[in-house]
């Protein structure tokens, strides 16, 4: 049996997206192909945005917002929102990464998020991320993804360490090896050969080739298509070079890093795109359909591009006062707000009418640890997207949201599942509760089920990709009609 086409498309997205920067870049390409127009936060939107239009913007190159405007939009109308995040636990190169010990060249790395760090040992690792370079008098970013395995964090042989537990020290035992120190004698970087050169202009920080191995700088520069001297700084992480793939006896699994949370990033992006596949899909829509994928969820979302930033509130505030289209058949008939008080309260009206689906991957039941799961809430892969519920508001789901999502799933003909943690188990959280509190928007938490969350190699269901996309399409298409029917003040 051939694997689902959506799963294969998802695998391609995963393989091209080793970092949040790459994920946003690849999402942008998909939006461009679907006819979305790039806009910028720093520009005025008044002369750009129109009912019937499709737009996207990015912040820091690691968060992205995309939306469509229904042709019957009016100020204060609802926004149907799906929120996800682009980041995953990883190891990031330290600002000074050059290390060596007992004849090995090593790389200093910093842990990002709550990874299962022992899963990073004995993997073929390489480097990816964003490099800032001097180009024509400007500083410009370039994305790099080095496909060659460069690094490895070797485990200690069992003969020298017979303890059954393995909990490596994150500061002293997570240094990857990059080569043998003898090779450092043959420095190839032009920057490294300036030791005998005349004194250069004053530099506040040590040169990049002093902070990082010159040979590593050569590889990074070659991938970026510049000379090492042009590199000003970078934000680089390690990633596993083993490709994501569809697997299992019947192609029922996706084996991959970063399922949490590129799984929901991909489904939210494709859900929005497919909701406007038809040319007339926005003709009778009075809402805005919006997907937002944030960076930094894995470390608390408190950053300029995280879910706790002003990114979503600022976008919603600007969208809430957009003038409507008096005559959908005319491009020149956009009207301003005439109803007294409407403009001043449009933002608050929009928030109370809107709905946020917080999309973050969920836990599938583990066959070897079934006792870790509440006996009546054991999500299975390929049985549908999981609604996540927690009485202590680690998830923001409540009954009206469940009713709304059930209707979306009924129309999409896809199954749903329910999940709560055991009372004696800790519970993770998502962007949902924080955004619900900040905006007052009705919110529901959900995600596709997976195993090995936060491992370097995770497992998800290949059919659940299609389940989630179909669910999100119906949410975007039908929210404007459903919203007045599920009204609880």
Protein backbone atom coordinates (compact mmCIF):
# COMPACT_ATOMS: atom_id res chain seq x y z
CA UNK A 1 0.00 0.00 0.00
CA UNK A 2 1.37 3.41 -0.95
CA UNK A 3 1.86 5.87 1.91
CA UNK A 4 -0.53 8.86 2.08
CA UNK A 5 0.58 11.67 -0.24
CA UNK A 6 0.11 14.25 2.53
CA UNK A 7 2.51 12.28 4.72
CA UNK A 8 5.13 12.27 1.95
CA UNK A 9 4.66 16.01 1.51
CA UNK A 10 5.08 16.45 5.26
CA UNK A 11 8.29 14.39 5.21
CA UNK A 12 9.68 16.68 2.50
CA UNK A 13 8.84 19.69 4.67
CA UNK A 14 10.56 18.08 7.66
CA UNK A 15 13.72 17.26 5.73
CA UNK A 16 13.96 20.84 4.47
CA UNK A 17 13.35 22.40 7.91
CA UNK A 18 16.09 21.61 10.45
CA UNK A 19 15.57 24.97 12.24
CA UNK A 20 12.72 27.45 12.85
CA UNK A 21 14.30 29.74 10.24
CA UNK A 22 14.05 27.02 7.62
CA UNK A 23 10.52 26.10 8.68
CA UNK A 24 9.36 29.70 8.25
CA UNK A 25 11.20 29.99 4.93
CA UNK A 26 9.57 26.82 3.60
CA UNK A 27 6.14 27.86 4.87
CA UNK A 28 6.65 31.20 3.11
CA UNK A 29 7.38 29.44 -0.16
CA UNK A 30 4.15 27.48 0.15
CA UNK A 31 2.16 30.64 0.85
CA UNK A 32 3.78 32.41 -2.11
CA UNK A 33 2.90 29.50 -4.39
CA UNK A 34 -0.70 29.69 -3.14
CA UNK A 35 -0.94 33.39 -4.07
CA UNK A 36 -0.35 34.99 -0.67
CA UNK A 37 1.32 38.43 -0.70
CA UNK A 38 4.23 39.27 1.61
CA UNK A 39 3.61 42.28 3.85
CA UNK A 40 5.75 43.79 6.61
CA UNK A 41 4.87 44.88 10.12
CA UNK A 42 6.78 48.14 9.67
CA UNK A 43 4.62 49.22 6.73
CA UNK A 44 1.14 50.72 6.68
CA UNK A 45 -1.49 48.14 5.80
CA UNK A 46 -4.31 50.58 5.07
CA UNK A 47 -3.49 50.86 1.37
CA UNK A 48 -2.48 47.21 0.96
CA UNK A 49 -4.98 44.91 2.63
CA UNK A 50 -8.31 44.31 0.94
CA UNK A 51 -11.26 41.94 1.49
CA UNK A 52 -10.67 38.87 -0.63
CA UNK A 53 -6.90 39.16 -0.20
CA UNK A 54 -4.34 36.63 1.08
CA UNK A 55 -1.27 37.84 3.00
CA UNK A 56 1.62 36.69 5.15
CA UNK A 57 4.37 38.26 7.25
CA UNK A 58 7.33 37.06 9.29
CA UNK A 59 9.08 38.25 12.43
CA UNK A 60 12.77 37.51 13.03
CA UNK A 61 12.57 34.95 10.24
CA UNK A 62 11.46 32.37 12.83
CA UNK A 63 7.77 33.22 13.35
CA UNK A 64 5.14 33.59 10.64
CA UNK A 65 1.57 34.89 10.38
CA UNK A 66 -0.65 34.27 7.35
CA UNK A 67 -4.26 35.24 6.85
CA UNK A 68 -7.08 35.63 4.35
CA UNK A 69 -9.79 38.29 4.48
CA UNK A 70 -13.34 37.32 3.60
CA UNK A 71 -15.05 39.53 1.04
CA UNK A 72 -17.90 40.18 3.50
CA UNK A 73 -15.54 41.22 6.30
CA UNK A 74 -16.62 44.08 8.56
CA UNK A 75 -14.63 45.72 11.40
CA UNK A 76 -15.12 43.79 14.63
CA UNK A 77 -15.94 40.51 12.89
CA UNK A 78 -14.45 37.17 14.04
CA UNK A 79 -10.98 35.81 13.30
CA UNK A 80 -10.55 32.02 13.10
CA UNK A 81 -7.03 31.35 14.41
CA UNK A 82 -4.79 28.31 14.47
CA UNK A 83 -1.58 28.77 16.46
CA UNK A 84 1.44 26.45 16.44
CA UNK A 85 5.18 26.77 17.05
CA UNK A 86 8.24 26.28 14.88
CA UNK A 87 10.90 25.38 17.47
CA UNK A 88 11.99 22.03 18.89
CA UNK A 89 14.54 21.03 21.57
CA UNK A 90 18.06 21.04 20.14
CA UNK A 91 21.72 21.77 20.79
CA UNK A 92 22.92 25.23 19.81
CA UNK A 93 26.51 26.33 19.15
CA UNK A 94 27.85 28.51 21.93
CA UNK A 95 29.12 32.02 21.08
CA UNK A 96 32.62 30.64 21.67
CA UNK A 97 32.41 27.03 20.51
CA UNK A 98 36.08 26.22 19.92
CA UNK A 99 37.14 23.42 22.27
CA UNK A 100 39.66 20.59 22.28
CA UNK A 101 40.64 17.76 24.61
CA UNK A 102 43.01 14.77 24.50
CA UNK A 103 43.63 15.13 20.79
CA UNK A 104 40.04 15.85 19.66
CA UNK A 105 38.54 18.99 18.19
CA UNK A 106 35.23 19.57 19.94
CA UNK A 107 32.29 21.98 19.66
CA UNK A 108 30.79 23.77 22.64
CA UNK A 109 26.98 23.56 22.59
CA UNK A 110 24.14 24.88 24.72
CA UNK A 111 20.92 22.98 25.40
CA UNK A 112 17.72 24.54 24.04
CA UNK A 113 14.46 23.38 25.59
CA UNK A 114 13.77 20.13 27.41
CA UNK A 115 15.26 17.56 25.10
CA UNK A 116 15.82 13.87 25.78
CA UNK A 117 19.55 14.50 25.57
CA UNK A 118 20.75 10.91 25.75
CA UNK A 119 18.98 10.38 22.39
CA UNK A 120 21.51 12.75 20.79
CA UNK A 121 24.42 10.38 21.44
CA UNK A 122 25.85 8.27 18.60
CA UNK A 123 23.92 10.16 15.91
CA UNK A 124 25.34 11.59 12.68
CA UNK A 125 25.00 15.30 13.39
CA UNK A 126 25.54 18.40 11.30
CA UNK A 127 24.96 22.15 11.47
CA UNK A 128 22.09 24.35 10.27
CA UNK A 129 20.73 27.81 10.97
CA UNK A 130 21.11 31.47 10.13
CA UNK A 131 24.37 33.21 9.26
CA UNK A 132 24.74 37.00 9.16
CA UNK A 133 27.18 38.15 6.48
CA UNK A 134 28.49 41.41 5.05
CA UNK A 135 27.25 41.88 1.51
CA UNK A 136 27.43 45.10 -0.53
CA UNK A 137 27.80 47.23 2.57
CA UNK A 138 24.86 45.60 4.36
CA UNK A 139 24.41 42.83 6.90
CA UNK A 140 22.13 40.16 5.40
CA UNK A 141 20.95 36.77 6.69
CA UNK A 142 21.64 33.52 4.86
CA UNK A 143 20.20 30.13 5.76
CA UNK A 144 22.54 27.16 5.76
CA UNK A 145 21.96 23.44 6.08
CA UNK A 146 25.11 21.34 5.85
CA UNK A 147 24.05 17.88 4.70
CA UNK A 148 27.36 16.18 5.47
CA UNK A 149 27.67 14.55 8.92
CA UNK A 150 30.25 16.66 10.73
CA UNK A 151 29.79 15.91 14.40
CA UNK A 152 29.09 13.10 16.82
CA UNK A 153 28.55 12.78 20.57
CA UNK A 154 29.98 9.35 21.35
CA UNK A 155 28.74 7.29 24.27
CA UNK A 156 31.16 5.76 26.75
CA UNK A 157 31.75 2.05 26.15
CA UNK A 158 29.73 -0.22 28.44
CA UNK A 159 32.99 -1.79 29.64
CA UNK A 160 33.86 1.55 31.28
CA UNK A 161 30.37 2.44 32.51
CA UNK A 162 28.14 -0.42 33.66
CA UNK A 163 25.39 1.65 35.29
CA UNK A 164 21.95 0.91 33.88
CA UNK A 165 20.84 4.55 33.96
CA UNK A 166 22.20 7.12 31.52
CA UNK A 167 21.79 10.75 32.50
CA UNK A 168 24.65 12.71 30.87
CA UNK A 169 25.93 15.91 32.40
CA UNK A 170 24.73 18.63 30.03
CA UNK A 171 27.79 20.84 30.54
CA UNK A 172 30.66 18.32 30.44
CA UNK A 173 29.38 15.27 28.53
CA UNK A 174 27.49 16.79 25.60
CA UNK A 175 30.47 18.10 23.62
CA UNK A 176 30.41 16.70 20.05
CA UNK A 177 33.67 15.68 18.42
CA UNK A 178 34.39 17.35 15.08
CA UNK A 179 37.79 15.96 14.13
CA UNK A 180 41.29 15.25 15.37
CA UNK A 181 43.39 18.07 16.73
CA UNK A 182 46.29 17.36 14.37
CA UNK A 183 44.14 18.77 11.58
CA UNK A 184 44.03 22.06 13.41
CA UNK A 185 47.74 22.43 12.54
CA UNK A 186 46.73 22.73 8.88
CA UNK A 187 44.31 25.63 9.19
CA UNK A 188 42.62 26.31 5.91
CA UNK A 189 40.57 29.39 6.73
CA UNK A 190 41.98 32.58 5.26
CA UNK A 191 40.91 34.30 8.45
CA UNK A 192 43.03 31.93 10.52
CA UNK A 193 46.12 32.80 8.46
CA UNK A 194 46.09 36.45 9.47
CA UNK A 195 48.15 35.82 12.60
CA UNK A 196 51.23 37.34 10.93
CA UNK A 197 49.30 40.05 9.12
CA UNK A 198 49.41 43.68 10.03
CA UNK A 199 47.15 44.77 12.86
CA UNK A 200 43.58 45.28 11.64
CA UNK A 201 40.92 47.73 12.75
CA UNK A 202 39.77 47.47 16.34
CA UNK A 203 37.21 44.69 16.95
CA UNK A 204 35.10 44.70 20.13
CA UNK A 205 34.84 40.89 20.08
CA UNK A 206 37.42 38.30 19.17
CA UNK A 207 37.42 37.29 15.54
CA UNK A 208 35.00 34.51 14.56
CA UNK A 209 37.89 32.20 13.69
CA UNK A 210 39.26 32.63 17.19
CA UNK A 211 35.87 31.87 18.74
CA UNK A 212 35.17 28.86 16.49
CA UNK A 213 37.38 26.28 14.79
CA UNK A 214 38.71 27.75 11.50
CA UNK A 215 37.84 24.58 9.62
CA UNK A 216 34.26 24.76 10.88
CA UNK A 217 34.12 28.38 9.73
CA UNK A 218 35.33 27.28 6.28
CA UNK A 219 32.49 24.76 5.98
CA UNK A 220 29.89 27.29 7.14
CA UNK A 221 31.19 29.95 4.77
CA UNK A 222 31.21 27.56 1.82
CA UNK A 223 27.60 26.58 2.52
CA UNK A 224 26.62 30.26 2.75
CA UNK A 225 28.48 31.06 -0.48
CA UNK A 226 30.74 33.68 1.11
CA UNK A 227 34.30 34.05 2.29
CA UNK A 228 34.87 33.33 6.01
CA UNK A 229 35.82 36.98 6.52
CA UNK A 230 32.30 38.04 5.51
CA UNK A 231 30.65 36.18 8.41
CA UNK A 232 29.74 38.58 11.20
CA UNK A 233 27.80 36.22 13.47
CA UNK A 234 25.48 33.23 13.36
CA UNK A 235 22.73 31.32 15.16
CA UNK A 236 23.44 27.68 14.42
CA UNK A 237 22.15 24.43 15.88
CA UNK A 238 22.95 20.75 15.52
CA UNK A 239 20.56 18.46 13.69
CA UNK A 240 20.42 14.77 12.82
CA UNK A 241 21.33 14.15 9.19
CA UNK A 242 19.25 10.94 9.03
CA UNK A 243 16.31 11.77 6.78
CA UNK A 244 12.72 11.81 7.96
CA UNK A 245 10.75 8.98 6.38
CA UNK A 246 7.50 7.06 6.26
CA UNK A 247 7.89 3.63 7.87
CA UNK A 248 6.11 0.66 9.43
CA UNK A 249 4.81 -2.53 7.85
CA UNK A 250 1.94 -0.64 6.22
CA UNK A 251 3.53 2.81 6.00
CA UNK A 252 1.55 3.82 9.06
CA UNK A 253 4.33 5.77 10.77
CA UNK A 254 6.43 8.89 10.25
CA UNK A 255 9.92 8.53 11.75
CA UNK A 256 11.51 11.93 12.16
CA UNK A 257 13.01 14.60 14.38
CA UNK A 258 11.00 17.75 15.18
CA UNK A 259 7.51 16.25 14.89
CA UNK A 260 6.89 18.38 17.96
CA UNK A 261 6.00 20.81 16.63
CA UNK A 262 6.57 20.92 12.89
CA UNK A 263 3.70 18.44 12.66
CA UNK A 264 1.19 21.09 13.67
CA UNK A 265 3.08 23.86 11.89
CA UNK A 266 2.75 21.98 8.60
CA UNK A 267 -0.91 21.07 9.14
CA UNK A 268 -1.88 24.63 10.11
CA UNK A 269 -0.10 26.08 7.06
CA UNK A 270 -1.64 23.58 4.67
CA UNK A 271 -5.04 23.87 6.35
CA UNK A 272 -5.15 27.60 5.61
CA UNK A 273 -3.88 27.15 2.05
CA UNK A 274 -6.38 24.39 1.22
CA UNK A 275 -9.25 26.36 2.75
CA UNK A 276 -8.86 28.88 -0.09
CA UNK A 277 -8.18 26.44 -2.94
CA UNK A 278 -11.37 27.54 -4.67
CA UNK A 279 -11.41 30.96 -6.35
CA UNK A 280 -14.75 31.80 -4.73
CA UNK A 281 -13.86 30.45 -1.27
CA UNK A 282 -13.82 33.94 0.27
CA UNK A 283 -16.85 35.36 -1.56
CA UNK A 284 -19.35 34.73 1.25
CA UNK A 285 -16.89 34.76 4.14
CA UNK A 286 -17.29 37.48 6.78
CA UNK A 287 -14.27 36.34 8.83
CA UNK A 288 -10.50 36.45 8.69
CA UNK A 289 -8.76 33.07 8.61
CA UNK A 290 -5.37 33.24 10.31
CA UNK A 291 -2.48 30.87 10.97
CA UNK A 292 0.36 31.89 13.28
CA UNK A 293 3.46 29.83 14.04
CA UNK A 294 5.62 31.17 16.88
CA UNK A 295 9.21 30.59 17.85
CA UNK A 296 10.46 29.85 21.40
CA UNK A 297 7.52 27.82 22.76
CA UNK A 298 9.93 25.20 24.06
CA UNK A 299 11.58 27.75 26.36
CA UNK A 300 8.50 29.54 27.64
CA UNK A 301 7.38 31.74 24.69
CA UNK A 302 8.73 34.92 26.29
CA UNK A 303 10.59 36.61 23.45
CA UNK A 304 9.92 39.16 20.73
CA UNK A 305 8.79 36.36 18.42
CA UNK A 306 7.20 34.05 20.99
CA UNK A 307 3.53 33.56 21.81
CA UNK A 308 3.86 35.87 24.84
CA UNK A 309 5.02 38.73 22.61
CA UNK A 310 2.84 41.39 21.04
CA UNK A 311 2.93 39.64 17.65
CA UNK A 312 -0.59 38.19 17.60
CA UNK A 313 -2.28 41.02 19.57
CA UNK A 314 -0.69 43.63 17.28
CA UNK A 315 -1.76 41.81 14.12
CA UNK A 316 -5.30 41.28 15.41
CA UNK A 317 -5.62 44.90 16.46
CA UNK A 318 -4.64 46.10 12.99
CA UNK A 319 -6.90 43.60 11.26
CA UNK A 320 -9.92 44.27 13.48
CA UNK A 321 -10.35 47.80 12.10
CA UNK A 322 -9.87 46.96 8.45
CA UNK A 323 -12.70 48.53 6.42
CA UNK A 324 -15.17 46.21 4.78
CA UNK A 325 -16.02 45.83 1.13
CA UNK A 326 -19.26 47.59 0.22
CA UNK A 327 -19.52 45.81 -3.11
CA UNK A 328 -17.63 42.57 -3.50
CA UNK A 329 -17.83 42.90 -7.28
CA UNK A 330 -15.88 46.17 -7.30
CA UNK A 331 -12.26 46.74 -6.36
CA UNK A 332 -12.84 50.45 -5.71
CA UNK A 333 -15.69 50.36 -3.23
CA UNK A 334 -13.96 49.88 0.11
CA UNK A 335 -15.75 51.82 2.78
CA UNK A 336 -14.59 53.30 6.03
CA UNK A 337 -16.26 52.70 9.37
CA UNK A 338 -19.38 54.85 9.69
CA UNK A 339 -21.08 53.37 12.74
CA UNK A 340 -20.38 55.49 15.79
CA UNK A 341 -18.03 53.79 18.25
CA UNK A 342 -17.42 50.83 15.95
CA UNK A 343 -13.81 51.69 15.16
CA UNK A 344 -12.85 52.31 18.77
CA UNK A 345 -14.24 48.98 19.99
CA UNK A 346 -13.61 46.82 16.92
CA UNK A 347 -10.57 45.12 18.50
CA UNK A 348 -12.50 44.07 21.60
CA UNK A 349 -15.46 42.92 19.49
CA UNK A 350 -13.16 40.84 17.30
CA UNK A 351 -11.55 39.16 20.32
CA UNK A 352 -14.86 38.14 21.87
CA UNK A 353 -16.09 36.65 18.58
CA UNK A 354 -12.85 34.90 17.62
CA UNK A 355 -11.58 31.40 18.37
CA UNK A 356 -8.03 30.09 18.79
CA UNK A 357 -7.03 26.50 18.12
CA UNK A 358 -3.73 25.96 19.91
CA UNK A 359 -2.11 23.20 17.87
CA UNK A 360 0.73 21.33 19.56
CA UNK A 361 1.51 17.63 19.27
CA UNK A 362 -0.04 15.21 21.79
CA UNK A 363 1.10 11.99 23.48
CA UNK A 364 0.15 8.68 21.89
CA UNK A 365 -0.19 5.75 24.25
CA UNK A 366 3.11 3.85 24.58
CA UNK A 367 2.69 0.05 24.42
CA UNK A 368 5.57 -0.58 26.84
CA UNK A 369 4.44 2.05 29.37
CA UNK A 370 0.65 1.94 29.12
CA UNK A 371 0.42 2.36 32.89
CA UNK A 372 1.72 5.92 32.54
CA UNK A 373 -1.54 6.94 30.84
CA UNK A 374 -5.01 7.46 32.32
CA UNK A 375 -6.82 4.25 31.45
CA UNK A 376 -9.75 5.93 29.66
CA UNK A 377 -7.63 8.44 27.76
CA UNK A 378 -5.04 6.61 25.69
CA UNK A 379 -4.72 8.27 22.25
CA UNK A 380 -3.73 6.00 19.38
CA UNK A 381 -1.85 7.02 16.25
CA UNK A 382 -3.89 7.31 13.03
CA UNK A 383 -7.12 7.50 15.04
CA UNK A 384 -7.47 11.25 14.74
CA UNK A 385 -6.33 14.52 16.28
CA UNK A 386 -6.34 14.66 20.08
CA UNK A 387 -8.25 17.28 22.10
CA UNK A 388 -6.16 18.01 25.19
CA UNK A 389 -7.94 18.80 28.47
CA UNK A 390 -6.62 19.73 31.90
CA UNK A 391 -8.69 20.88 34.88
CA UNK A 392 -5.78 23.01 36.11
CA UNK A 393 -5.65 24.95 32.83
CA UNK A 394 -2.36 23.59 31.55
CA UNK A 395 -4.54 23.28 28.46
CA UNK A 396 -7.22 25.89 27.69
CA UNK A 397 -9.91 23.54 26.35
CA UNK A 398 -13.50 23.80 27.61
CA UNK A 399 -16.87 22.36 26.57
CA UNK A 400 -17.95 25.04 24.04
CA UNK A 401 -14.67 24.52 22.22
CA UNK A 402 -15.16 20.75 22.16
CA UNK A 403 -18.65 21.21 20.74
CA UNK A 404 -17.32 23.49 17.99
CA UNK A 405 -14.46 21.19 17.06
CA UNK A 406 -16.75 18.17 16.99
CA UNK A 407 -18.85 19.94 14.39
CA UNK A 408 -15.75 20.71 12.32
CA UNK A 409 -14.66 17.07 12.54
CA UNK A 410 -18.15 15.87 11.59
CA UNK A 411 -18.11 18.01 8.46
CA UNK A 412 -14.57 16.88 7.62
CA UNK A 413 -15.44 13.23 8.34
CA UNK A 414 -12.36 12.77 10.53
CA UNK A 415 -12.11 11.19 14.01
CA UNK A 416 -11.15 12.94 17.23
CA UNK A 417 -9.71 11.68 20.52
CA UNK A 418 -9.65 13.03 24.09
CA UNK A 419 -6.66 13.17 26.45
CA UNK A 420 -6.10 14.03 30.10
CA UNK A 421 -3.03 13.13 32.14
CA UNK A 422 -3.16 10.95 35.24
CA UNK A 423 -3.67 12.81 38.50
CA UNK A 424 -0.27 11.58 39.67
CA UNK A 425 1.51 12.69 36.49
CA UNK A 426 2.97 16.06 35.51
CA UNK A 427 1.36 17.85 32.58
CA UNK A 428 3.05 19.89 29.88
CA UNK A 429 1.53 23.06 28.52
CA UNK A 430 1.25 24.98 25.26
CA UNK A 431 0.76 28.45 23.84
CA UNK A 432 -2.99 28.07 24.46
CA UNK A 433 -3.44 29.13 28.10
CA UNK A 434 -1.13 32.14 27.83
CA UNK A 435 -2.81 33.49 24.70
CA UNK A 436 -6.28 32.80 26.11
CA UNK A 437 -5.42 34.83 29.20
CA UNK A 438 -3.78 37.68 27.27
CA UNK A 439 -6.48 38.02 24.62
CA UNK A 440 -9.64 36.69 26.22
CA UNK A 441 -10.19 34.62 23.08
CA UNK A 442 -12.00 31.30 23.33
CA UNK A 443 -9.32 28.63 23.01
CA UNK A 444 -8.95 24.88 22.55
CA UNK A 445 -5.75 22.81 22.74
CA UNK A 446 -5.21 19.89 20.41
CA UNK A 447 -2.52 18.00 18.53
CA UNK A 448 -1.74 14.84 16.61
CA UNK A 449 -0.55 11.91 18.76
CA UNK A 450 3.09 10.89 18.74
CA UNK A 451 5.66 8.81 20.62
CA UNK A 452 9.08 9.85 21.97
CA UNK A 453 8.24 13.54 22.25
CA UNK A 454 11.43 15.66 22.56
CA UNK A 455 13.67 12.82 21.40
CA UNK A 456 16.02 13.40 18.47
CA UNK A 457 13.93 10.78 16.64
CA UNK A 458 10.16 10.77 17.17
CA UNK A 459 7.29 8.69 15.79
CA UNK A 460 3.90 9.87 14.52
CA UNK A 461 1.03 8.50 12.44
CA UNK A 462 1.18 8.99 8.70
CA UNK A 463 -2.62 9.23 8.33
CA UNK A 464 -3.00 11.78 11.12
CA UNK A 465 -1.35 14.42 8.93
CA UNK A 466 -4.31 14.26 6.57
CA UNK A 467 -6.77 14.10 9.48
CA UNK A 468 -5.50 17.36 10.94
CA UNK A 469 -5.34 19.23 7.62
CA UNK A 470 -8.95 18.28 6.80
CA UNK A 471 -10.04 19.31 10.30
CA UNK A 472 -8.33 22.69 9.99
CA UNK A 473 -9.81 23.32 6.54
CA UNK A 474 -13.33 22.85 7.91
CA UNK A 475 -12.54 25.05 10.91
CA UNK A 476 -11.45 27.89 8.63
CA UNK A 477 -14.31 27.41 6.17
CA UNK A 478 -17.10 27.05 8.70
CA UNK A 479 -16.20 29.13 11.75
CA UNK A 480 -18.07 32.22 10.62
CA UNK A 481 -21.29 30.22 10.33
CA UNK A 482 -20.77 28.22 13.54
CA UNK A 483 -19.69 31.07 15.81
CA UNK A 484 -23.14 32.64 16.42
CA UNK A 485 -24.61 29.21 17.20
CA UNK A 486 -22.20 28.48 20.08
CA UNK A 487 -22.56 31.70 22.05
CA UNK A 488 -21.78 31.65 25.76
CA UNK A 489 -21.16 35.06 27.37
